[in-house]
């Protein structure tokens, strides 16, 4: 239960899906347990732990890189949305000015009748 709470905390702090973290942790933990049983020698256990730590570091690096890429794309998309909003606002303002001008012309035409 404690491991599940830690995985949830990790997921909240760094944006990792808690389910993905749980599954990855379970798979790695099971692999280490199997390897630990098969390799009762201290030297071999240290090798397995080193290997597991390397996998963990690689996964963390991959997740961080993916998050950075997502953040970069999010920022680029935000800039594009801002530019598009400006274009729409300019078009709306131009339409308002045109409508106002047309309204004045119609009112003047009605007055001249």
PDB file of N, CA and C in Angstrom:
ATOM      1  N   UNK A   1       0.824  -1.189   0.000  1.00  0.00           N
ATOM      2  CA  UNK A   1       0.000   0.000   0.000  1.00  0.00           C
ATOM      3  C   UNK A   1       0.867   1.250   0.000  1.00  0.00           C
ATOM      4  N   UNK A   2       1.966   1.188   0.763  1.00  0.00           N
ATOM      5  CA  UNK A   2       2.867   2.337   0.832  1.00  0.00           C
ATOM      6  C   UNK A   2       3.474   2.632  -0.540  1.00  0.00           C
ATOM      7  N   UNK A   3       3.831   1.579  -1.279  1.00  0.00           N
ATOM      8  CA  UNK A   3       4.407   1.763  -2.617  1.00  0.00           C
ATOM      9  C   UNK A   3       3.400   2.438  -3.534  1.00  0.00           C
ATOM     10  N   UNK A   4       2.129   2.105  -3.415  1.00  0.00           N
ATOM     11  CA  UNK A   4       1.100   2.714  -4.245  1.00  0.00           C
ATOM     12  C   UNK A   4       0.990   4.206  -3.951  1.00  0.00           C
ATOM     13  N   UNK A   5       1.077   4.579  -2.668  1.00  0.00           N
ATOM     14  CA  UNK A   5       1.027   5.994  -2.298  1.00  0.00           C
ATOM     15  C   UNK A   5       2.224   6.739  -2.874  1.00  0.00           C
ATOM     16  N   UNK A   6       3.386   6.125  -2.823  1.00  0.00           N
ATOM     17  CA  UNK A   6       4.588   6.750  -3.382  1.00  0.00           C
ATOM     18  C   UNK A   6       4.416   6.946  -4.883  1.00  0.00           C
ATOM     19  N   UNK A   7       3.898   5.932  -5.572  1.00  0.00           N
ATOM     20  CA  UNK A   7       3.693   6.051  -7.019  1.00  0.00           C
ATOM     21  C   UNK A   7       2.717   7.172  -7.329  1.00  0.00           C
ATOM     22  N   UNK A   8       1.671   7.327  -6.516  1.00  0.00           N
ATOM     23  CA  UNK A   8       0.721   8.403  -6.746  1.00  0.00           C
ATOM     24  C   UNK A   8       1.395   9.754  -6.541  1.00  0.00           C
ATOM     25  N   UNK A   9       2.253   9.845  -5.519  1.00  0.00           N
ATOM     26  CA  UNK A   9       2.972  11.093  -5.272  1.00  0.00           C
ATOM     27  C   UNK A   9       3.919  11.393  -6.420  1.00  0.00           C
ATOM     28  N   UNK A  10       4.610  10.386  -6.903  1.00  0.00           N
ATOM     29  CA  UNK A  10       5.523  10.584  -8.032  1.00  0.00           C
ATOM     30  C   UNK A  10       4.731  11.078  -9.229  1.00  0.00           C
ATOM     31  N   UNK A  11       3.605  10.466  -9.485  1.00  0.00           N
ATOM     32  CA  UNK A  11       2.777  10.858 -10.615  1.00  0.00           C
ATOM     33  C   UNK A  11       2.315  12.300 -10.510  1.00  0.00           C
ATOM     34  N   UNK A  12       1.986  12.752  -9.323  1.00  0.00           N
ATOM     35  CA  UNK A  12       1.524  14.125  -9.149  1.00  0.00           C
ATOM     36  C   UNK A  12       2.665  15.113  -9.295  1.00  0.00           C
ATOM     37  N   UNK A  13       3.828  14.766  -8.782  1.00  0.00           N
ATOM     38  CA  UNK A  13       4.942  15.708  -8.784  1.00  0.00           C
ATOM     39  C   UNK A  13       5.569  15.892 -10.150  1.00  0.00           C
ATOM     40  N   UNK A  14       5.674  14.842 -10.943  1.00  0.00           N
ATOM     41  CA  UNK A  14       6.378  14.955 -12.214  1.00  0.00           C
ATOM     42  C   UNK A  14       5.485  14.672 -13.412  1.00  0.00           C
ATOM     43  N   UNK A  15       4.206  14.486 -13.194  1.00  0.00           N
ATOM     44  CA  UNK A  15       3.299  14.316 -14.307  1.00  0.00           C
ATOM     45  C   UNK A  15       3.285  12.916 -14.900  1.00  0.00           C
ATOM     46  N   UNK A  16       3.792  11.938 -14.166  1.00  0.00           N
ATOM     47  CA  UNK A  16       3.790  10.565 -14.651  1.00  0.00           C
ATOM     48  C   UNK A  16       2.439   9.956 -14.298  1.00  0.00           C
ATOM     49  N   UNK A  17       1.843   9.276 -15.228  1.00  0.00           N
ATOM     50  CA  UNK A  17       0.585   8.598 -14.967  1.00  0.00           C
ATOM     51  C   UNK A  17       0.825   7.565 -13.870  1.00  0.00           C
ATOM     52  N   UNK A  18       0.083   7.631 -12.761  1.00  0.00           N
ATOM     53  CA  UNK A  18       0.304   6.694 -11.660  1.00  0.00           C
ATOM     54  C   UNK A  18       0.161   5.238 -12.082  1.00  0.00           C
ATOM     55  N   UNK A  19      -0.740   4.962 -13.024  1.00  0.00           N
ATOM     56  CA  UNK A  19      -0.925   3.583 -13.473  1.00  0.00           C
ATOM     57  C   UNK A  19       0.322   3.096 -14.209  1.00  0.00           C
ATOM     58  N   UNK A  20       0.900   3.948 -15.054  1.00  0.00           N
ATOM     59  CA  UNK A  20       2.111   3.585 -15.781  1.00  0.00           C
ATOM     60  C   UNK A  20       3.253   3.353 -14.799  1.00  0.00           C
ATOM     61  N   UNK A  21       3.379   4.234 -13.821  1.00  0.00           N
ATOM     62  CA  UNK A  21       4.441   4.091 -12.826  1.00  0.00           C
ATOM     63  C   UNK A  21       4.269   2.807 -12.026  1.00  0.00           C
ATOM     64  N   UNK A  22       3.015   2.484 -11.680  1.00  0.00           N
ATOM     65  CA  UNK A  22       2.743   1.273 -10.917  1.00  0.00           C
ATOM     66  C   UNK A  22       3.097   0.027 -11.729  1.00  0.00           C
ATOM     67  N   UNK A  23       2.659  -0.004 -12.976  1.00  0.00           N
ATOM     68  CA  UNK A  23       2.938  -1.169 -13.828  1.00  0.00           C
ATOM     69  C   UNK A  23       4.443  -1.316 -14.058  1.00  0.00           C
ATOM     70  N   UNK A  24       5.110  -0.197 -14.379  1.00  0.00           N
ATOM     71  CA  UNK A  24       6.556  -0.257 -14.608  1.00  0.00           C
ATOM     72  C   UNK A  24       7.286  -0.713 -13.356  1.00  0.00           C
ATOM     73  N   UNK A  25       6.888  -0.186 -12.212  1.00  0.00           N
ATOM     74  CA  UNK A  25       7.514  -0.592 -10.951  1.00  0.00           C
ATOM     75  C   UNK A  25       7.287  -2.053 -10.641  1.00  0.00           C
ATOM     76  N   UNK A  26       6.074  -2.522 -10.921  1.00  0.00           N
ATOM     77  CA  UNK A  26       5.745  -3.930 -10.681  1.00  0.00           C
ATOM     78  C   UNK A  26       6.566  -4.842 -11.570  1.00  0.00           C
ATOM     79  N   UNK A  27       6.664  -4.496 -12.846  1.00  0.00           N
ATOM     80  CA  UNK A  27       7.429  -5.318 -13.793  1.00  0.00           C
ATOM     81  C   UNK A  27       8.901  -5.355 -13.404  1.00  0.00           C
ATOM     82  N   UNK A  28       9.448  -4.200 -13.102  1.00  0.00           N
ATOM     83  CA  UNK A  28      10.859  -4.141 -12.719  1.00  0.00           C
ATOM     84  C   UNK A  28      11.088  -4.889 -11.410  1.00  0.00           C
ATOM     85  N   UNK A  29      10.168  -4.679 -10.454  1.00  0.00           N
ATOM     86  CA  UNK A  29      10.294  -5.373  -9.165  1.00  0.00           C
ATOM     87  C   UNK A  29      10.218  -6.880  -9.312  1.00  0.00           C
ATOM     88  N   UNK A  30       9.315  -7.353 -10.155  1.00  0.00           N
ATOM     89  CA  UNK A  30       9.188  -8.793 -10.386  1.00  0.00           C
ATOM     90  C   UNK A  30      10.452  -9.342 -11.031  1.00  0.00           C
ATOM     91  N   UNK A  31      10.976  -8.590 -11.980  1.00  0.00           N
ATOM     92  CA  UNK A  31      12.224  -9.024 -12.631  1.00  0.00           C
ATOM     93  C   UNK A  31      13.376  -9.103 -11.649  1.00  0.00           C
ATOM     94  N   UNK A  32      13.447  -8.142 -10.768  1.00  0.00           N
ATOM     95  CA  UNK A  32      14.511  -8.141  -9.763  1.00  0.00           C
ATOM     96  C   UNK A  32      14.328  -9.312  -8.802  1.00  0.00           C
ATOM     97  N   UNK A  33      13.077  -9.564  -8.409  1.00  0.00           N
ATOM     98  CA  UNK A  33      12.822 -10.679  -7.485  1.00  0.00           C
ATOM     99  C   UNK A  33      13.216 -12.010  -8.101  1.00  0.00           C
ATOM    100  N   UNK A  34      12.834 -12.210  -9.362  1.00  0.00           N
ATOM    101  CA  UNK A  34      13.188 -13.458 -10.052  1.00  0.00           C
ATOM    102  C   UNK A  34      14.701 -13.579 -10.179  1.00  0.00           C
ATOM    103  N   UNK A  35      15.316 -12.485 -10.567  1.00  0.00           N
ATOM    104  CA  UNK A  35      16.771 -12.499 -10.712  1.00  0.00           C
ATOM    105  C   UNK A  35      17.443 -12.717  -9.360  1.00  0.00           C
ATOM    106  N   UNK A  36      16.865 -12.139  -8.298  1.00  0.00           N
ATOM    107  CA  UNK A  36      17.439 -12.297  -6.958  1.00  0.00           C
ATOM    108  C   UNK A  36      17.386 -13.726  -6.490  1.00  0.00           C
ATOM    109  N   UNK A  37      16.293 -14.410  -6.798  1.00  0.00           N
ATOM    110  CA  UNK A  37      16.172 -15.813  -6.419  1.00  0.00           C
ATOM    111  C   UNK A  37      17.173 -16.659  -7.212  1.00  0.00           C
ATOM    112  N   UNK A  38      17.267 -16.368  -8.494  1.00  0.00           N
ATOM    113  CA  UNK A  38      18.164 -17.141  -9.350  1.00  0.00           C
ATOM    114  C   UNK A  38      19.624 -16.829  -9.060  1.00  0.00           C
ATOM    115  N   UNK A  39      19.888 -15.632  -8.625  1.00  0.00           N
ATOM    116  CA  UNK A  39      21.260 -15.203  -8.396  1.00  0.00           C
ATOM    117  C   UNK A  39      21.464 -14.917  -6.908  1.00  0.00           C
ATOM    118  N   UNK A  40      21.784 -15.947  -6.171  1.00  0.00           N
ATOM    119  CA  UNK A  40      21.933 -15.767  -4.736  1.00  0.00           C
ATOM    120  C   UNK A  40      23.297 -15.191  -4.369  1.00  0.00           C
ATOM    121  N   UNK A  41      24.200 -15.158  -5.301  1.00  0.00           N
ATOM    122  CA  UNK A  41      25.530 -14.615  -5.056  1.00  0.00           C
ATOM    123  C   UNK A  41      25.446 -13.091  -4.900  1.00  0.00           C
ATOM    124  N   UNK A  42      26.138 -12.535  -3.915  1.00  0.00           N
ATOM    125  CA  UNK A  42      26.137 -11.097  -3.643  1.00  0.00           C
ATOM    126  C   UNK A  42      26.584 -10.295  -4.857  1.00  0.00           C
ATOM    127  N   UNK A  43      27.607 -10.769  -5.540  1.00  0.00           N
ATOM    128  CA  UNK A  43      28.129 -10.064  -6.714  1.00  0.00           C
ATOM    129  C   UNK A  43      27.063  -9.968  -7.799  1.00  0.00           C
ATOM    130  N   UNK A  44      26.368 -11.047  -8.018  1.00  0.00           N
ATOM    131  CA  UNK A  44      25.320 -11.054  -9.037  1.00  0.00           C
ATOM    132  C   UNK A  44      24.141 -10.171  -8.639  1.00  0.00           C
ATOM    133  N   UNK A  45      23.818 -10.160  -7.342  1.00  0.00           N
ATOM    134  CA  UNK A  45      22.731  -9.279  -6.886  1.00  0.00           C
ATOM    135  C   UNK A  45      23.080  -7.819  -7.126  1.00  0.00           C
ATOM    136  N   UNK A  46      24.328  -7.467  -6.888  1.00  0.00           N
ATOM    137  CA  UNK A  46      24.753  -6.089  -7.129  1.00  0.00           C
ATOM    138  C   UNK A  46      24.649  -5.747  -8.611  1.00  0.00           C
ATOM    139  N   UNK A  47      24.992  -6.707  -9.470  1.00  0.00           N
ATOM    140  CA  UNK A  47      24.857  -6.485 -10.915  1.00  0.00           C
ATOM    141  C   UNK A  47      23.398  -6.244 -11.290  1.00  0.00           C
ATOM    142  N   UNK A  48      22.516  -7.061 -10.723  1.00  0.00           N
ATOM    143  CA  UNK A  48      21.090  -6.927 -11.013  1.00  0.00           C
ATOM    144  C   UNK A  48      20.582  -5.572 -10.527  1.00  0.00           C
ATOM    145  N   UNK A  49      20.987  -5.170  -9.328  1.00  0.00           N
ATOM    146  CA  UNK A  49      20.559  -3.874  -8.797  1.00  0.00           C
ATOM    147  C   UNK A  49      21.088  -2.730  -9.665  1.00  0.00           C
ATOM    148  N   UNK A  50      22.320  -2.849 -10.117  1.00  0.00           N
ATOM    149  CA  UNK A  50      22.891  -1.815 -10.981  1.00  0.00           C
ATOM    150  C   UNK A  50      22.103  -1.745 -12.285  1.00  0.00           C
ATOM    151  N   UNK A  51      21.809  -2.921 -12.844  1.00  0.00           N
ATOM    152  CA  UNK A  51      21.035  -2.983 -14.079  1.00  0.00           C
ATOM    153  C   UNK A  51      19.654  -2.350 -13.879  1.00  0.00           C
ATOM    154  N   UNK A  52      18.997  -2.677 -12.758  1.00  0.00           N
ATOM    155  CA  UNK A  52      17.670  -2.140 -12.468  1.00  0.00           C
ATOM    156  C   UNK A  52      17.731  -0.616 -12.304  1.00  0.00           C
ATOM    157  N   UNK A  53      18.753  -0.145 -11.635  1.00  0.00           N
ATOM    158  CA  UNK A  53      18.904   1.303 -11.461  1.00  0.00           C
ATOM    159  C   UNK A  53      19.129   1.996 -12.802  1.00  0.00           C
ATOM    160  N   UNK A  54      19.899   1.366 -13.669  1.00  0.00           N
ATOM    161  CA  UNK A  54      20.120   1.933 -15.007  1.00  0.00           C
ATOM    162  C   UNK A  54      18.813   2.008 -15.796  1.00  0.00           C
ATOM    163  N   UNK A  55      18.000   0.962 -15.690  1.00  0.00           N
ATOM    164  CA  UNK A  55      16.695   0.960 -16.371  1.00  0.00           C
ATOM    165  C   UNK A  55      15.822   2.079 -15.802  1.00  0.00           C
ATOM    166  N   UNK A  56      15.820   2.196 -14.482  1.00  0.00           N
ATOM    167  CA  UNK A  56      15.030   3.238 -13.830  1.00  0.00           C
ATOM    168  C   UNK A  56      15.467   4.625 -14.308  1.00  0.00           C
ATOM    169  N   UNK A  57      16.769   4.864 -14.328  1.00  0.00           N
ATOM    170  CA  UNK A  57      17.285   6.156 -14.775  1.00  0.00           C
ATOM    171  C   UNK A  57      16.889   6.415 -16.230  1.00  0.00           C
ATOM    172  N   UNK A  58      16.974   5.364 -17.056  1.00  0.00           N
ATOM    173  CA  UNK A  58      16.593   5.508 -18.461  1.00  0.00           C
ATOM    174  C   UNK A  58      15.122   5.852 -18.613  1.00  0.00           C
ATOM    175  N   UNK A  59      14.270   5.213 -17.832  1.00  0.00           N
ATOM    176  CA  UNK A  59      12.834   5.499 -17.882  1.00  0.00           C
ATOM    177  C   UNK A  59      12.557   6.927 -17.431  1.00  0.00           C
ATOM    178  N   UNK A  60      13.205   7.333 -16.359  1.00  0.00           N
ATOM    179  CA  UNK A  60      13.005   8.697 -15.861  1.00  0.00           C
ATOM    180  C   UNK A  60      13.459   9.705 -16.909  1.00  0.00           C
ATOM    181  N   UNK A  61      14.601   9.456 -17.518  1.00  0.00           N
ATOM    182  CA  UNK A  61      15.105  10.357 -18.555  1.00  0.00           C
ATOM    183  C   UNK A  61      14.127  10.430 -19.719  1.00  0.00           C
ATOM    184  N   UNK A  62      13.617   9.289 -20.128  1.00  0.00           N
ATOM    185  CA  UNK A  62      12.662   9.245 -21.242  1.00  0.00           C
ATOM    186  C   UNK A  62      11.395  10.031 -20.900  1.00  0.00           C
ATOM    187  N   UNK A  63      10.881   9.838 -19.700  1.00  0.00           N
ATOM    188  CA  UNK A  63       9.670  10.550 -19.284  1.00  0.00           C
ATOM    189  C   UNK A  63       9.937  12.054 -19.245  1.00  0.00           C
ATOM    190  N   UNK A  64      11.079  12.455 -18.706  1.00  0.00           N
ATOM    191  CA  UNK A  64      11.404  13.882 -18.636  1.00  0.00           C
ATOM    192  C   UNK A  64      11.529  14.492 -20.033  1.00  0.00           C
ATOM    193  N   UNK A  65      12.184  13.763 -20.946  1.00  0.00           N
ATOM    194  CA  UNK A  65      12.321  14.264 -22.321  1.00  0.00           C
ATOM    195  C   UNK A  65      10.954  14.392 -22.990  1.00  0.00           C
ATOM    196  N   UNK A  66      10.095  13.407 -22.762  1.00  0.00           N
ATOM    197  CA  UNK A  66       8.752  13.440 -23.341  1.00  0.00           C
ATOM    198  C   UNK A  66       7.963  14.614 -22.781  1.00  0.00           C
ATOM    199  N   UNK A  67       8.109  14.859 -21.484  1.00  0.00           N
ATOM    200  CA  UNK A  67       7.423  15.994 -20.871  1.00  0.00           C
ATOM    201  C   UNK A  67       7.935  17.311 -21.447  1.00  0.00           C
ATOM    202  N   UNK A  68       9.234  17.423 -21.648  1.00  0.00           N
ATOM    203  CA  UNK A  68       9.807  18.642 -22.225  1.00  0.00           C
ATOM    204  C   UNK A  68       9.287  18.867 -23.641  1.00  0.00           C
ATOM    205  N   UNK A  69       9.223  17.791 -24.420  1.00  0.00           N
ATOM    206  CA  UNK A  69       8.704  17.905 -25.783  1.00  0.00           C
ATOM    207  C   UNK A  69       7.242  18.341 -25.769  1.00  0.00           C
ATOM    208  N   UNK A  70       6.468  17.760 -24.861  1.00  0.00           N
ATOM    209  CA  UNK A  70       5.051  18.124 -24.758  1.00  0.00           C
ATOM    210  C   UNK A  70       4.910  19.586 -24.355  1.00  0.00           C
ATOM    211  N   UNK A  71       5.742  20.038 -23.425  1.00  0.00           N
ATOM    212  CA  UNK A  71       5.684  21.435 -22.985  1.00  0.00           C
ATOM    213  C   UNK A  71       6.054  22.376 -24.129  1.00  0.00           C
ATOM    214  N   UNK A  72       7.067  22.005 -24.908  1.00  0.00           N
ATOM    215  CA  UNK A  72       7.468  22.827 -26.052  1.00  0.00           C
ATOM    216  C   UNK A  72       6.330  22.923 -27.066  1.00  0.00           C
ATOM    217  N   UNK A  73       5.704  21.791 -27.355  1.00  0.00           N
ATOM    218  CA  UNK A  73       4.582  21.797 -28.303  1.00  0.00           C
ATOM    219  C   UNK A  73       3.403  22.585 -27.752  1.00  0.00           C
ATOM    220  N   UNK A  74       3.186  22.489 -26.446  1.00  0.00           N
ATOM    221  CA  UNK A  74       2.093  23.234 -25.816  1.00  0.00           C
ATOM    222  C   UNK A  74       2.330  24.736 -25.949  1.00  0.00           C
ATOM    223  N   UNK A  75       3.565  25.172 -25.715  1.00  0.00           N
ATOM    224  CA  UNK A  75       3.890  26.594 -25.842  1.00  0.00           C
ATOM    225  C   UNK A  75       3.711  27.067 -27.282  1.00  0.00           C
ATOM    226  N   UNK A  76       4.187  26.267 -28.234  1.00  0.00           N
ATOM    227  CA  UNK A  76       4.052  26.637 -29.648  1.00  0.00           C
ATOM    228  C   UNK A  76       2.579  26.740 -30.032  1.00  0.00           C
ATOM    229  N   UNK A  77       1.787  25.808 -29.563  1.00  0.00           N
ATOM    230  CA  UNK A  77       0.354  25.824 -29.855  1.00  0.00           C
ATOM    231  C   UNK A  77      -0.305  27.039 -29.213  1.00  0.00           C
ATOM    232  N   UNK A  78       0.121  27.376 -28.002  1.00  0.00           N
ATOM    233  CA  UNK A  78      -0.417  28.559 -27.327  1.00  0.00           C
ATOM    234  C   UNK A  78      -0.125  29.832 -28.111  1.00  0.00           C
ATOM    235  N   UNK A  79       1.093  29.929 -28.666  1.00  0.00           N
ATOM    236  CA  UNK A  79       1.455  31.094 -29.480  1.00  0.00           C
ATOM    237  C   UNK A  79       0.585  31.161 -30.733  1.00  0.00           C
ATOM    238  N   UNK A  80       0.380  30.010 -31.363  1.00  0.00           N
ATOM    239  CA  UNK A  80      -0.442  29.976 -32.574  1.00  0.00           C
ATOM    240  C   UNK A  80      -1.874  30.383 -32.257  1.00  0.00           C
ATOM    241  N   UNK A  81      -2.387  29.903 -31.151  1.00  0.00           N
ATOM    242  CA  UNK A  81      -3.755  30.264 -30.761  1.00  0.00           C
ATOM    243  C   UNK A  81      -3.848  31.765 -30.517  1.00  0.00           C
ATOM    244  N   UNK A  82      -2.835  32.335 -29.865  1.00  0.00           N
ATOM    245  CA  UNK A  82      -2.834  33.785 -29.612  1.00  0.00           C
ATOM    246  C   UNK A  82      -2.838  34.567 -30.919  1.00  0.00           C
ATOM    247  N   UNK A  83      -2.019  34.138 -31.881  1.00  0.00           N
ATOM    248  CA  UNK A  83      -1.981  34.819 -33.187  1.00  0.00           C
ATOM    249  C   UNK A  83      -3.327  34.707 -33.884  1.00  0.00           C
ATOM    250  N   UNK A  84      -3.911  33.510 -33.852  1.00  0.00           N
ATOM    251  CA  UNK A  84      -5.209  33.314 -34.489  1.00  0.00           C
ATOM    252  C   UNK A  84      -6.293  34.151 -33.816  1.00  0.00           C
ATOM    253  N   UNK A  85      -6.215  34.295 -32.494  1.00  0.00           N
ATOM    254  CA  UNK A  85      -7.175  35.141 -31.778  1.00  0.00           C
ATOM    255  C   UNK A  85      -7.060  36.591 -32.238  1.00  0.00           C
ATOM    256  N   UNK A  86      -5.829  37.050 -32.419  1.00  0.00           N
ATOM    257  CA  UNK A  86      -5.615  38.413 -32.904  1.00  0.00           C
ATOM    258  C   UNK A  86      -6.261  38.610 -34.273  1.00  0.00           C
ATOM    259  N   UNK A  87      -6.053  37.654 -35.154  1.00  0.00           N
ATOM    260  CA  UNK A  87      -6.626  37.734 -36.505  1.00  0.00           C
ATOM    261  C   UNK A  87      -8.152  37.789 -36.428  1.00  0.00           C
ATOM    262  N   UNK A  88      -8.737  36.929 -35.606  1.00  0.00           N
ATOM    263  CA  UNK A  88     -10.200  36.901 -35.461  1.00  0.00           C
ATOM    264  C   UNK A  88     -10.694  38.222 -34.873  1.00  0.00           C
ATOM    265  N   UNK A  89      -9.995  38.720 -33.855  1.00  0.00           N
ATOM    266  CA  UNK A  89     -10.410  39.996 -33.249  1.00  0.00           C
ATOM    267  C   UNK A  89     -10.338  41.140 -34.256  1.00  0.00           C
ATOM    268  N   UNK A  90      -9.309  41.162 -35.090  1.00  0.00           N
ATOM    269  CA  UNK A  90      -9.200  42.198 -36.123  1.00  0.00           C
ATOM    270  C   UNK A  90     -10.361  42.093 -37.108  1.00  0.00           C
ATOM    271  N   UNK A  91     -10.705  40.876 -37.498  1.00  0.00           N
ATOM    272  CA  UNK A  91     -11.812  40.678 -38.436  1.00  0.00           C
ATOM    273  C   UNK A  91     -13.128  41.117 -37.808  1.00  0.00           C
ATOM    274  N   UNK A  92     -13.322  40.797 -36.539  1.00  0.00           N
ATOM    275  CA  UNK A  92     -14.553  41.194 -35.852  1.00  0.00           C
ATOM    276  C   UNK A  92     -14.624  42.716 -35.751  1.00  0.00           C
ATOM    277  N   UNK A  93     -13.516  43.345 -35.389  1.00  0.00           N
ATOM    278  CA  UNK A  93     -13.500  44.810 -35.290  1.00  0.00           C
ATOM    279  C   UNK A  93     -13.764  45.460 -36.645  1.00  0.00           C
ATOM    280  N   UNK A  94     -13.164  44.908 -37.703  1.00  0.00           N
ATOM    281  CA  UNK A  94     -13.401  45.445 -39.048  1.00  0.00           C
ATOM    282  C   UNK A  94     -14.879  45.296 -39.418  1.00  0.00           C
ATOM    283  N   UNK A  95     -15.470  44.156 -39.052  1.00  0.00           N
ATOM    284  CA  UNK A  95     -16.893  43.935 -39.350  1.00  0.00           C
ATOM    285  C   UNK A  95     -17.757  44.919 -38.573  1.00  0.00           C
ATOM    286  N   UNK A  96     -17.403  45.181 -37.320  1.00  0.00           N
ATOM    287  CA  UNK A  96     -18.163  46.143 -36.515  1.00  0.00           C
ATOM    288  C   UNK A  96     -18.095  47.541 -37.130  1.00  0.00           C
ATOM    289  N   UNK A  97     -16.901  47.950 -37.540  1.00  0.00           N
ATOM    290  CA  UNK A  97     -16.727  49.274 -38.157  1.00  0.00           C
ATOM    291  C   UNK A  97     -17.548  49.365 -39.435  1.00  0.00           C
ATOM    292  N   UNK A  98     -17.480  48.324 -40.245  1.00  0.00           N
ATOM    293  CA  UNK A  98     -18.240  48.312 -41.498  1.00  0.00           C
ATOM    294  C   UNK A  98     -19.733  48.363 -41.229  1.00  0.00           C
ATOM    295  N   UNK A  99     -20.190  47.590 -40.248  1.00  0.00           N
ATOM    296  CA  UNK A  99     -21.612  47.572 -39.895  1.00  0.00           C
ATOM    297  C   UNK A  99     -22.047  48.942 -39.386  1.00  0.00           C
ATOM    298  N   UNK A 100     -21.223  49.548 -38.568  1.00  0.00           N
ATOM    299  CA  UNK A 100     -21.529  50.881 -38.042  1.00  0.00           C
ATOM    300  C   UNK A 100     -21.628  51.903 -39.185  1.00  0.00           C
ATOM    301  N   UNK A 101     -20.679  51.827 -40.105  1.00  0.00           N
ATOM    302  CA  UNK A 101     -20.677  52.744 -41.253  1.00  0.00           C
ATOM    303  C   UNK A 101     -21.928  52.532 -42.100  1.00  0.00           C
ATOM    304  N   UNK A 102     -22.267  51.281 -42.369  1.00  0.00           N
ATOM    305  CA  UNK A 102     -23.451  50.961 -43.174  1.00  0.00           C
ATOM    306  C   UNK A 102     -24.716  51.439 -42.468  1.00  0.00           C
ATOM    307  N   UNK A 103     -24.755  51.263 -41.153  1.00  0.00           N
ATOM    308  CA  UNK A 103     -25.923  51.715 -40.379  1.00  0.00           C
ATOM    309  C   UNK A 103     -26.095  53.222 -40.509  1.00  0.00           C
ATOM    310  N   UNK A 104     -24.994  53.964 -40.408  1.00  0.00           N
ATOM    311  CA  UNK A 104     -25.062  55.421 -40.571  1.00  0.00           C
ATOM    312  C   UNK A 104     -25.575  55.798 -41.958  1.00  0.00           C
ATOM    313  N   UNK A 105     -25.059  55.111 -42.965  1.00  0.00           N
ATOM    314  CA  UNK A 105     -25.482  55.401 -44.339  1.00  0.00           C
ATOM    315  C   UNK A 105     -26.970  55.118 -44.537  1.00  0.00           C
ATOM    316  N   UNK A 106     -27.446  53.999 -43.975  1.00  0.00           N
ATOM    317  CA  UNK A 106     -28.866  53.660 -44.089  1.00  0.00           C
ATOM    318  C   UNK A 106     -29.704  54.696 -43.351  1.00  0.00           C
ATOM    319  N   UNK A 107     -29.288  55.073 -42.166  1.00  0.00           N
ATOM    320  CA  UNK A 107     -30.036  56.076 -41.397  1.00  0.00           C
ATOM    321  C   UNK A 107     -30.075  57.412 -42.151  1.00  0.00           C
ATOM    322  N   UNK A 108     -28.968  57.820 -42.720  1.00  0.00           N
ATOM    323  CA  UNK A 108     -28.926  59.072 -43.505  1.00  0.00           C
ATOM    324  C   UNK A 108     -29.841  58.954 -44.729  1.00  0.00           C
ATOM    325  N   UNK A 109     -29.839  57.795 -45.363  1.00  0.00           N
ATOM    326  CA  UNK A 109     -30.711  57.605 -46.537  1.00  0.00           C
ATOM    327  C   UNK A 109     -32.173  57.682 -46.140  1.00  0.00           C
ATOM    328  N   UNK A 110     -32.498  57.125 -44.971  1.00  0.00           N
ATOM    329  CA  UNK A 110     -33.895  57.157 -44.509  1.00  0.00           C
ATOM    330  C   UNK A 110     -34.294  58.592 -44.186  1.00  0.00           C
ATOM    331  N   UNK A 111     -33.394  59.355 -43.579  1.00  0.00           N
ATOM    332  CA  UNK A 111     -33.691  60.730 -43.214  1.00  0.00           C
ATOM    333  C   UNK A 111     -33.919  61.602 -44.465  1.00  0.00           C
ATOM    334  N   UNK A 112     -33.203  61.278 -45.517  1.00  0.00           N
ATOM    335  CA  UNK A 112     -33.337  62.078 -46.739  1.00  0.00           C
ATOM    336  C   UNK A 112     -34.614  61.773 -47.511  1.00  0.00           C
ATOM    337  N   UNK A 113     -35.326  60.734 -47.146  1.00  0.00           N
ATOM    338  CA  UNK A 113     -36.562  60.390 -47.842  1.00  0.00           C
ATOM    339  C   UNK A 113     -37.656  61.287 -47.467  1.00  0.00           C
TER     340      UNK A 113
END
